[in-house]
PDB file of N, CA and C in Angstrom:
ATOM      1  N   MET A   1      15.992  10.458 -12.172  1.00  0.00           N
ATOM      2  CA  MET A   1      16.021  10.420 -10.732  1.00  0.00           C
ATOM      3  C   MET A   1      14.908   9.486 -10.244  1.00  0.00           C
ATOM      4  N   GLU A   2      15.216   8.736  -9.200  1.00  0.00           N
ATOM      5  CA  GLU A   2      14.244   7.835  -8.595  1.00  0.00           C
ATOM      6  C   GLU A   2      13.841   8.348  -7.221  1.00  0.00           C
ATOM      7  N   VAL A   3      12.602   8.034  -6.844  1.00  0.00           N
ATOM      8  CA  VAL A   3      12.114   8.277  -5.492  1.00  0.00           C
ATOM      9  C   VAL A   3      11.445   6.998  -5.011  1.00  0.00           C
ATOM     10  N   PHE A   4      11.225   6.937  -3.710  1.00  0.00           N
ATOM     11  CA  PHE A   4      10.653   5.751  -3.101  1.00  0.00           C
ATOM     12  C   PHE A   4       9.401   6.141  -2.332  1.00  0.00           C
ATOM     13  N   LEU A   5       8.245   5.617  -2.773  1.00  0.00           N
ATOM     14  CA  LEU A   5       6.971   5.876  -2.112  1.00  0.00           C
ATOM     15  C   LEU A   5       6.741   4.769  -1.096  1.00  0.00           C
ATOM     16  N   LEU A   6       6.404   5.178   0.126  1.00  0.00           N
ATOM     17  CA  LEU A   6       6.191   4.220   1.200  1.00  0.00           C
ATOM     18  C   LEU A   6       4.733   4.263   1.649  1.00  0.00           C
ATOM     19  N   TRP A   7       4.082   3.111   1.613  1.00  0.00           N
ATOM     20  CA  TRP A   7       2.676   2.960   1.983  1.00  0.00           C
ATOM     21  C   TRP A   7       2.552   1.966   3.128  1.00  0.00           C
ATOM     22  N   HIS A   8       1.457   2.093   3.884  1.00  0.00           N
ATOM     23  CA  HIS A   8       1.100   1.077   4.869  1.00  0.00           C
ATOM     24  C   HIS A   8      -0.334   0.654   4.594  1.00  0.00           C
ATOM     25  N   VAL A   9      -0.596  -0.644   4.718  1.00  0.00           N
ATOM     26  CA  VAL A   9      -1.935  -1.189   4.513  1.00  0.00           C
ATOM     27  C   VAL A   9      -2.484  -1.637   5.862  1.00  0.00           C
ATOM     28  N   ARG A  10      -3.616  -1.064   6.231  1.00  0.00           N
ATOM     29  CA  ARG A  10      -4.360  -1.526   7.405  1.00  0.00           C
ATOM     30  C   ARG A  10      -5.488  -2.393   6.855  1.00  0.00           C
ATOM     31  N   HIS A  11      -5.383  -3.703   7.068  1.00  0.00           N
ATOM     32  CA  HIS A  11      -6.353  -4.634   6.512  1.00  0.00           C
ATOM     33  C   HIS A  11      -7.658  -4.599   7.312  1.00  0.00           C
ATOM     34  N   ALA A  12      -8.767  -4.657   6.592  1.00  0.00           N
ATOM     35  CA  ALA A  12     -10.089  -4.710   7.218  1.00  0.00           C
ATOM     36  C   ALA A  12     -10.288  -6.092   7.831  1.00  0.00           C
ATOM     37  N   ALA A  13     -11.066  -6.141   8.875  1.00  0.00           N
ATOM     38  CA  ALA A  13     -11.387  -7.428   9.485  1.00  0.00           C
ATOM     39  C   ALA A  13     -12.192  -8.272   8.508  1.00  0.00           C
ATOM     40  N   ASN A  14     -11.990  -9.559   8.546  1.00  0.00           N
ATOM     41  CA  ASN A  14     -12.712 -10.481   7.676  1.00  0.00           C
ATOM     42  C   ASN A  14     -13.615 -11.351   8.549  1.00  0.00           C
ATOM     43  N   PRO A  15     -14.931 -11.127   8.508  1.00  0.00           N
ATOM     44  CA  PRO A  15     -15.834 -11.923   9.365  1.00  0.00           C
ATOM     45  C   PRO A  15     -15.887 -13.399   8.981  1.00  0.00           C
ATOM     46  N   ASP A  16     -15.421 -13.739   7.767  1.00  0.00           N
ATOM     47  CA  ASP A  16     -15.474 -15.125   7.298  1.00  0.00           C
ATOM     48  C   ASP A  16     -14.209 -15.925   7.587  1.00  0.00           C
ATOM     49  N   GLY A  17     -13.216 -15.303   8.193  1.00  0.00           N
ATOM     50  CA  GLY A  17     -11.985 -16.027   8.466  1.00  0.00           C
ATOM     51  C   GLY A  17     -10.810 -15.082   8.607  1.00  0.00           C
ATOM     52  N   PRO A  18      -9.601 -15.627   8.528  1.00  0.00           N
ATOM     53  CA  PRO A  18      -8.410 -14.799   8.713  1.00  0.00           C
ATOM     54  C   PRO A  18      -8.196 -13.826   7.543  1.00  0.00           C
ATOM     55  N   VAL A  19      -7.513 -12.746   7.836  1.00  0.00           N
ATOM     56  CA  VAL A  19      -7.186 -11.742   6.828  1.00  0.00           C
ATOM     57  C   VAL A  19      -5.948 -12.202   6.062  1.00  0.00           C
ATOM     58  N   GLU A  20      -5.999 -12.095   4.743  1.00  0.00           N
ATOM     59  CA  GLU A  20      -4.846 -12.444   3.920  1.00  0.00           C
ATOM     60  C   GLU A  20      -3.963 -11.206   3.793  1.00  0.00           C
ATOM     61  N   HIS A  21      -2.751 -11.298   4.314  1.00  0.00           N
ATOM     62  CA  HIS A  21      -1.808 -10.183   4.250  1.00  0.00           C
ATOM     63  C   HIS A  21      -0.835 -10.332   3.086  1.00  0.00           C
ATOM     64  N   VAL A  22      -0.444 -11.574   2.812  1.00  0.00           N
ATOM     65  CA  VAL A  22       0.554 -11.849   1.783  1.00  0.00           C
ATOM     66  C   VAL A  22       0.027 -12.950   0.879  1.00  0.00           C
ATOM     67  N   GLY A  23       0.161 -12.748  -0.426  1.00  0.00           N
ATOM     68  CA  GLY A  23      -0.286 -13.737  -1.391  1.00  0.00           C
ATOM     69  C   GLY A  23       0.690 -14.890  -1.529  1.00  0.00           C
ATOM     70  N   GLN A  24       0.324 -15.857  -2.347  1.00  0.00           N
ATOM     71  CA  GLN A  24       1.172 -17.027  -2.572  1.00  0.00           C
ATOM     72  C   GLN A  24       2.512 -16.654  -3.178  1.00  0.00           C
ATOM     73  N   ASP A  25       2.554 -15.512  -3.873  1.00  0.00           N
ATOM     74  CA  ASP A  25       3.799 -15.070  -4.488  1.00  0.00           C
ATOM     75  C   ASP A  25       4.700 -14.319  -3.507  1.00  0.00           C
ATOM     76  N   GLY A  26       4.233 -14.164  -2.248  1.00  0.00           N
ATOM     77  CA  GLY A  26       5.018 -13.467  -1.240  1.00  0.00           C
ATOM     78  C   GLY A  26       4.828 -11.967  -1.231  1.00  0.00           C
ATOM     79  N   GLU A  27       3.972 -11.466  -2.125  1.00  0.00           N
ATOM     80  CA  GLU A  27       3.731 -10.026  -2.220  1.00  0.00           C
ATOM     81  C   GLU A  27       2.577  -9.617  -1.308  1.00  0.00           C
ATOM     82  N   LEU A  28       2.644  -8.399  -0.797  1.00  0.00           N
ATOM     83  CA  LEU A  28       1.590  -7.842   0.031  1.00  0.00           C
ATOM     84  C   LEU A  28       0.303  -7.743  -0.785  1.00  0.00           C
ATOM     85  N   VAL A  29      -0.827  -8.128  -0.195  1.00  0.00           N
ATOM     86  CA  VAL A  29      -2.122  -8.036  -0.875  1.00  0.00           C
ATOM     87  C   VAL A  29      -3.016  -7.065  -0.119  1.00  0.00           C
ATOM     88  N   TRP A  30      -3.927  -6.427  -0.856  1.00  0.00           N
ATOM     89  CA  TRP A  30      -4.899  -5.531  -0.254  1.00  0.00           C
ATOM     90  C   TRP A  30      -6.049  -5.324  -1.213  1.00  0.00           C
ATOM     91  N   SER A  31      -7.166  -4.877  -0.657  1.00  0.00           N
ATOM     92  CA  SER A  31      -8.342  -4.576  -1.463  1.00  0.00           C
ATOM     93  C   SER A  31      -9.070  -3.409  -0.818  1.00  0.00           C
ATOM     94  N   GLU A  32      -9.024  -2.267  -1.474  1.00  0.00           N
ATOM     95  CA  GLU A  32      -9.755  -1.114  -0.962  1.00  0.00           C
ATOM     96  C   GLU A  32     -11.255  -1.393  -0.984  1.00  0.00           C
ATOM     97  N   GLU A  33     -11.720  -2.180  -1.953  1.00  0.00           N
ATOM     98  CA  GLU A  33     -13.136  -2.539  -2.027  1.00  0.00           C
ATOM     99  C   GLU A  33     -13.567  -3.342  -0.807  1.00  0.00           C
ATOM    100  N   ALA A  34     -12.654  -4.121  -0.235  1.00  0.00           N
ATOM    101  CA  ALA A  34     -12.963  -4.921   0.948  1.00  0.00           C
ATOM    102  C   ALA A  34     -12.802  -4.114   2.232  1.00  0.00           C
ATOM    103  N   GLY A  35     -12.372  -2.863   2.102  1.00  0.00           N
ATOM    104  CA  GLY A  35     -12.245  -2.004   3.264  1.00  0.00           C
ATOM    105  C   GLY A  35     -10.833  -1.801   3.762  1.00  0.00           C
ATOM    106  N   ASP A  36      -9.845  -2.358   3.071  1.00  0.00           N
ATOM    107  CA  ASP A  36      -8.459  -2.127   3.470  1.00  0.00           C
ATOM    108  C   ASP A  36      -8.123  -0.655   3.291  1.00  0.00           C
ATOM    109  N   ASP A  37      -7.335  -0.115   4.204  1.00  0.00           N
ATOM    110  CA  ASP A  37      -7.003   1.308   4.220  1.00  0.00           C
ATOM    111  C   ASP A  37      -5.523   1.491   3.908  1.00  0.00           C
ATOM    112  N   LEU A  38      -5.222   2.202   2.818  1.00  0.00           N
ATOM    113  CA  LEU A  38      -3.838   2.477   2.445  1.00  0.00           C
ATOM    114  C   LEU A  38      -3.484   3.892   2.852  1.00  0.00           C
ATOM    115  N   LYS A  39      -2.328   4.022   3.478  1.00  0.00           N
ATOM    116  CA  LYS A  39      -1.834   5.337   3.894  1.00  0.00           C
ATOM    117  C   LYS A  39      -0.451   5.524   3.292  1.00  0.00           C
ATOM    118  N   ILE A  40      -0.199   6.693   2.733  1.00  0.00           N
ATOM    119  CA  ILE A  40       1.141   6.976   2.258  1.00  0.00           C
ATOM    120  C   ILE A  40       1.907   7.621   3.411  1.00  0.00           C
ATOM    121  N   LEU A  41       3.038   7.034   3.751  1.00  0.00           N
ATOM    122  CA  LEU A  41       3.850   7.554   4.841  1.00  0.00           C
ATOM    123  C   LEU A  41       4.814   8.622   4.360  1.00  0.00           C
ATOM    124  N   GLY A  42       5.195   8.554   3.078  1.00  0.00           N
ATOM    125  CA  GLY A  42       6.100   9.566   2.567  1.00  0.00           C
ATOM    126  C   GLY A  42       6.737   9.165   1.265  1.00  0.00           C
ATOM    127  N   VAL A  43       7.457  10.117   0.714  1.00  0.00           N
ATOM    128  CA  VAL A  43       8.241   9.922  -0.511  1.00  0.00           C
ATOM    129  C   VAL A  43       9.681  10.209  -0.128  1.00  0.00           C
ATOM    130  N   TYR A  44      10.567   9.268  -0.395  1.00  0.00           N
ATOM    131  CA  TYR A  44      11.944   9.354   0.088  1.00  0.00           C
ATOM    132  C   TYR A  44      12.942   9.341  -1.063  1.00  0.00           C
ATOM    133  N   SER A  45      14.044  10.005  -0.838  1.00  0.00           N
ATOM    134  CA  SER A  45      15.068  10.131  -1.876  1.00  0.00           C
ATOM    135  C   SER A  45      15.925   8.883  -2.004  1.00  0.00           C
ATOM    136  N   THR A  46      15.956   8.054  -0.962  1.00  0.00           N
ATOM    137  CA  THR A  46      16.718   6.808  -1.017  1.00  0.00           C
ATOM    138  C   THR A  46      15.920   5.677  -0.393  1.00  0.00           C
ATOM    139  N   GLU A  47      16.222   4.479  -0.804  1.00  0.00           N
ATOM    140  CA  GLU A  47      15.578   3.303  -0.218  1.00  0.00           C
ATOM    141  C   GLU A  47      15.960   3.183   1.256  1.00  0.00           C
ATOM    142  N   ARG A  48      17.171   3.522   1.595  1.00  0.00           N
ATOM    143  CA  ARG A  48      17.629   3.449   2.983  1.00  0.00           C
ATOM    144  C   ARG A  48      16.762   4.321   3.889  1.00  0.00           C
ATOM    145  N   ARG A  49      16.484   5.536   3.470  1.00  0.00           N
ATOM    146  CA  ARG A  49      15.643   6.430   4.275  1.00  0.00           C
ATOM    147  C   ARG A  49      14.226   5.881   4.427  1.00  0.00           C
ATOM    148  N   ALA A  50      13.708   5.301   3.374  1.00  0.00           N
ATOM    149  CA  ALA A  50      12.375   4.711   3.450  1.00  0.00           C
ATOM    150  C   ALA A  50      12.364   3.535   4.423  1.00  0.00           C
ATOM    151  N   ARG A  51      13.385   2.711   4.389  1.00  0.00           N
ATOM    152  CA  ARG A  51      13.453   1.559   5.302  1.00  0.00           C
ATOM    153  C   ARG A  51      13.645   2.010   6.750  1.00  0.00           C
ATOM    154  N   GLU A  52      14.354   3.096   6.963  1.00  0.00           N
ATOM    155  CA  GLU A  52      14.478   3.655   8.314  1.00  0.00           C
ATOM    156  C   GLU A  52      13.110   4.110   8.814  1.00  0.00           C
ATOM    157  N   ARG A  53      12.321   4.697   7.930  1.00  0.00           N
ATOM    158  CA  ARG A  53      10.965   5.137   8.284  1.00  0.00           C
ATOM    159  C   ARG A  53      10.089   3.952   8.658  1.00  0.00           C
ATOM    160  N   ILE A  54      10.236   2.839   7.936  1.00  0.00           N
ATOM    161  CA  ILE A  54       9.486   1.628   8.264  1.00  0.00           C
ATOM    162  C   ILE A  54       9.815   1.186   9.685  1.00  0.00           C
ATOM    163  N   GLU A  55      11.096   1.129  10.020  1.00  0.00           N
ATOM    164  CA  GLU A  55      11.504   0.692  11.351  1.00  0.00           C
ATOM    165  C   GLU A  55      10.924   1.596  12.430  1.00  0.00           C
ATOM    166  N   HIS A  56      10.920   2.886  12.195  1.00  0.00           N
ATOM    167  CA  HIS A  56      10.351   3.824  13.163  1.00  0.00           C
ATOM    168  C   HIS A  56       8.834   3.630  13.271  1.00  0.00           C
ATOM    169  N   ALA A  57       8.158   3.497  12.144  1.00  0.00           N
ATOM    170  CA  ALA A  57       6.696   3.376  12.135  1.00  0.00           C
ATOM    171  C   ALA A  57       6.233   2.097  12.822  1.00  0.00           C
ATOM    172  N   ARG A  58       7.016   1.036  12.734  1.00  0.00           N
ATOM    173  CA  ARG A  58       6.619  -0.243  13.347  1.00  0.00           C
ATOM    174  C   ARG A  58       6.371  -0.138  14.847  1.00  0.00           C
ATOM    175  N   SER A  59       6.925   0.884  15.481  1.00  0.00           N
ATOM    176  CA  SER A  59       6.730   1.045  16.925  1.00  0.00           C
ATOM    177  C   SER A  59       5.566   1.980  17.256  1.00  0.00           C
ATOM    178  N   MET A  60       4.909   2.519  16.246  1.00  0.00           N
ATOM    179  CA  MET A  60       3.835   3.492  16.457  1.00  0.00           C
ATOM    180  C   MET A  60       2.466   2.805  16.479  1.00  0.00           C
ATOM    181  N   PRO A  61       1.504   3.390  17.240  1.00  0.00           N
ATOM    182  CA  PRO A  61       0.148   2.822  17.275  1.00  0.00           C
ATOM    183  C   PRO A  61      -0.433   2.681  15.864  1.00  0.00           C
ATOM    184  N   GLY A  62      -1.170   1.613  15.669  1.00  0.00           N
ATOM    185  CA  GLY A  62      -1.776   1.344  14.367  1.00  0.00           C
ATOM    186  C   GLY A  62      -0.806   0.594  13.458  1.00  0.00           C
ATOM    187  N   PHE A  63       0.332   1.202  13.185  1.00  0.00           N
ATOM    188  CA  PHE A  63       1.331   0.544  12.340  1.00  0.00           C
ATOM    189  C   PHE A  63       1.873  -0.712  13.021  1.00  0.00           C
ATOM    190  N   SER A  64       2.005  -0.659  14.346  1.00  0.00           N
ATOM    191  CA  SER A  64       2.541  -1.806  15.076  1.00  0.00           C
ATOM    192  C   SER A  64       1.579  -2.999  15.058  1.00  0.00           C
ATOM    193  N   ASP A  65       0.288  -2.753  14.782  1.00  0.00           N
ATOM    194  CA  ASP A  65      -0.677  -3.849  14.680  1.00  0.00           C
ATOM    195  C   ASP A  65      -0.430  -4.702  13.436  1.00  0.00           C
ATOM    196  N   GLU A  66       0.138  -4.101  12.406  1.00  0.00           N
ATOM    197  CA  GLU A  66       0.441  -4.815  11.163  1.00  0.00           C
ATOM    198  C   GLU A  66       1.850  -4.403  10.717  1.00  0.00           C
ATOM    199  N   PRO A  67       2.863  -4.870  11.457  1.00  0.00           N
ATOM    200  CA  PRO A  67       4.236  -4.401  11.227  1.00  0.00           C
ATOM    201  C   PRO A  67       4.873  -4.859   9.922  1.00  0.00           C
ATOM    202  N   ASN A  68       4.251  -5.796   9.231  1.00  0.00           N
ATOM    203  CA  ASN A  68       4.821  -6.291   7.976  1.00  0.00           C
ATOM    204  C   ASN A  68       4.002  -5.886   6.762  1.00  0.00           C
ATOM    205  N   CYS A  69       3.115  -4.909   6.942  1.00  0.00           N
ATOM    206  CA  CYS A  69       2.222  -4.508   5.855  1.00  0.00           C
ATOM    207  C   CYS A  69       2.628  -3.166   5.260  1.00  0.00           C
ATOM    208  N   PHE A  70       3.915  -3.018   5.022  1.00  0.00           N
ATOM    209  CA  PHE A  70       4.442  -1.834   4.361  1.00  0.00           C
ATOM    210  C   PHE A  70       4.735  -2.173   2.911  1.00  0.00           C
ATOM    211  N   LEU A  71       4.488  -1.224   2.045  1.00  0.00           N
ATOM    212  CA  LEU A  71       4.730  -1.392   0.616  1.00  0.00           C
ATOM    213  C   LEU A  71       5.661  -0.271   0.181  1.00  0.00           C
ATOM    214  N   LEU A  72       6.778  -0.647  -0.387  1.00  0.00           N
ATOM    215  CA  LEU A  72       7.767   0.319  -0.842  1.00  0.00           C
ATOM    216  C   LEU A  72       7.877   0.209  -2.364  1.00  0.00           C
ATOM    217  N   ASP A  73       7.552   1.295  -3.052  1.00  0.00           N
ATOM    218  CA  ASP A  73       7.586   1.328  -4.515  1.00  0.00           C
ATOM    219  C   ASP A  73       8.616   2.327  -4.989  1.00  0.00           C
ATOM    220  N   ARG A  74       9.377   1.918  -5.985  1.00  0.00           N
ATOM    221  CA  ARG A  74      10.368   2.779  -6.612  1.00  0.00           C
ATOM    222  C   ARG A  74       9.744   3.405  -7.852  1.00  0.00           C
ATOM    223  N   TYR A  75       9.864   4.717  -7.979  1.00  0.00           N
ATOM    224  CA  TYR A  75       9.329   5.423  -9.144  1.00  0.00           C
ATOM    225  C   TYR A  75      10.402   6.305  -9.747  1.00  0.00           C
ATOM    226  N   VAL A  76      10.387   6.366 -11.062  1.00  0.00           N
ATOM    227  CA  VAL A  76      11.255   7.295 -11.780  1.00  0.00           C
ATOM    228  C   VAL A  76      10.467   8.585 -11.954  1.00  0.00           C
ATOM    229  N   VAL A  77      11.062   9.705 -11.579  1.00  0.00           N
ATOM    230  CA  VAL A  77      10.409  11.008 -11.661  1.00  0.00           C
ATOM    231  C   VAL A  77      10.198  11.392 -13.129  1.00  0.00           C
ATOM    232  N   ASP A  78       9.087  12.068 -13.407  1.00  0.00           N
ATOM    233  CA  ASP A  78       8.736  12.580 -14.727  1.00  0.00           C
ATOM    234  C   ASP A  78       8.434  11.485 -15.754  1.00  0.00           C
ATOM    235  N   VAL A  79       7.989  10.319 -15.269  1.00  0.00           N
ATOM    236  CA  VAL A  79       7.547   9.245 -16.147  1.00  0.00           C
ATOM    237  C   VAL A  79       6.073   8.984 -15.831  1.00  0.00           C
ATOM    238  N   ASP A  80       5.215   9.020 -16.855  1.00  0.00           N
ATOM    239  CA  ASP A  80       3.789   8.781 -16.655  1.00  0.00           C
ATOM    240  C   ASP A  80       3.567   7.382 -16.077  1.00  0.00           C
ATOM    241  N   GLN A  81       2.717   7.303 -15.067  1.00  0.00           N
ATOM    242  CA  GLN A  81       2.367   6.023 -14.474  1.00  0.00           C
ATOM    243  C   GLN A  81       0.987   5.548 -14.936  1.00  0.00           C
ATOM    244  N   TRP A  82       0.144   6.468 -15.336  1.00  0.00           N
ATOM    245  CA  TRP A  82      -1.196   6.128 -15.824  1.00  0.00           C
ATOM    246  C   TRP A  82      -1.324   6.769 -17.185  1.00  0.00           C
ATOM    247  N   ALA A  83      -1.061   5.986 -18.219  1.00  0.00           N
ATOM    248  CA  ALA A  83      -0.958   6.533 -19.565  1.00  0.00           C
ATOM    249  C   ALA A  83      -2.260   6.502 -20.357  1.00  0.00           C
ATOM    250  N   GLU A  84      -3.311   5.915 -19.805  1.00  0.00           N
ATOM    251  CA  GLU A  84      -4.590   5.814 -20.512  1.00  0.00           C
ATOM    252  C   GLU A  84      -5.712   6.374 -19.650  1.00  0.00           C
ATOM    253  N   GLY A  85      -6.857   6.575 -20.237  1.00  0.00           N
ATOM    254  CA  GLY A  85      -8.027   7.032 -19.491  1.00  0.00           C
ATOM    255  C   GLY A  85      -8.600   5.918 -18.636  1.00  0.00           C
ATOM    256  N   PHE A  86      -9.775   6.170 -18.066  1.00  0.00           N
ATOM    257  CA  PHE A  86     -10.416   5.154 -17.236  1.00  0.00           C
ATOM    258  C   PHE A  86     -11.924   5.309 -17.315  1.00  0.00           C
ATOM    259  N   ALA A  87     -12.618   4.289 -16.878  1.00  0.00           N
ATOM    260  CA  ALA A  87     -14.079   4.316 -16.821  1.00  0.00           C
ATOM    261  C   ALA A  87     -14.493   4.046 -15.382  1.00  0.00           C
ATOM    262  N   THR A  88     -15.524   4.737 -14.934  1.00  0.00           N
ATOM    263  CA  THR A  88     -16.044   4.519 -13.598  1.00  0.00           C
ATOM    264  C   THR A  88     -17.164   3.496 -13.666  1.00  0.00           C
ATOM    265  N   VAL A  89     -17.068   2.479 -12.832  1.00  0.00           N
ATOM    266  CA  VAL A  89     -18.106   1.450 -12.764  1.00  0.00           C
ATOM    267  C   VAL A  89     -18.960   1.753 -11.540  1.00  0.00           C
ATOM    268  N   ARG A  90     -20.210   2.014 -11.788  1.00  0.00           N
ATOM    269  CA  ARG A  90     -21.139   2.350 -10.725  1.00  0.00           C
ATOM    270  C   ARG A  90     -21.634   1.079 -10.041  1.00  0.00           C
ATOM    271  N   PRO A  91     -22.200   1.186  -8.835  1.00  0.00           N
ATOM    272  CA  PRO A  91     -22.685   0.006  -8.118  1.00  0.00           C
ATOM    273  C   PRO A  91     -23.637  -0.873  -8.921  1.00  0.00           C
ATOM    274  N   ASP A  92     -24.420  -0.248  -9.838  1.00  0.00           N
ATOM    275  CA  ASP A  92     -25.320  -1.061 -10.679  1.00  0.00           C
ATOM    276  C   ASP A  92     -24.585  -1.618 -11.888  1.00  0.00           C
ATOM    277  N   HIS A  93     -23.241  -1.448 -11.927  1.00  0.00           N
ATOM    278  CA  HIS A  93     -22.346  -1.973 -12.963  1.00  0.00           C
ATOM    279  C   HIS A  93     -22.517  -1.324 -14.335  1.00  0.00           C
ATOM    280  N   SER A  94     -23.158  -0.165 -14.401  1.00  0.00           N
ATOM    281  CA  SER A  94     -23.242   0.520 -15.693  1.00  0.00           C
ATOM    282  C   SER A  94     -22.175   1.612 -15.745  1.00  0.00           C
ATOM    283  N   PRO A  95     -21.512   1.780 -16.906  1.00  0.00           N
ATOM    284  CA  PRO A  95     -20.444   2.788 -17.003  1.00  0.00           C
ATOM    285  C   PRO A  95     -20.969   4.209 -16.995  1.00  0.00           C
TER     286      PRO A  95
END
């Protein structure tokens, strides 16, 4: 079974110039380290329902400021997405 996760990215202001919303490959870009804020809008049973949610959200405060910054990901249920451990990098760069 597949589900569709819907996210919105609120990009942080860039004091050095314009905010990059889409990369050269046409894909949405974001950086939580740079202050971009990701919000999950929901998990949907069909892509159609997720796209309907996007259309509705585009008219809402906040979302309407960045109407093309939605990310829709398809996931297969009961499949591991993070199969390995991780290391935390502290501000002084020591693990």
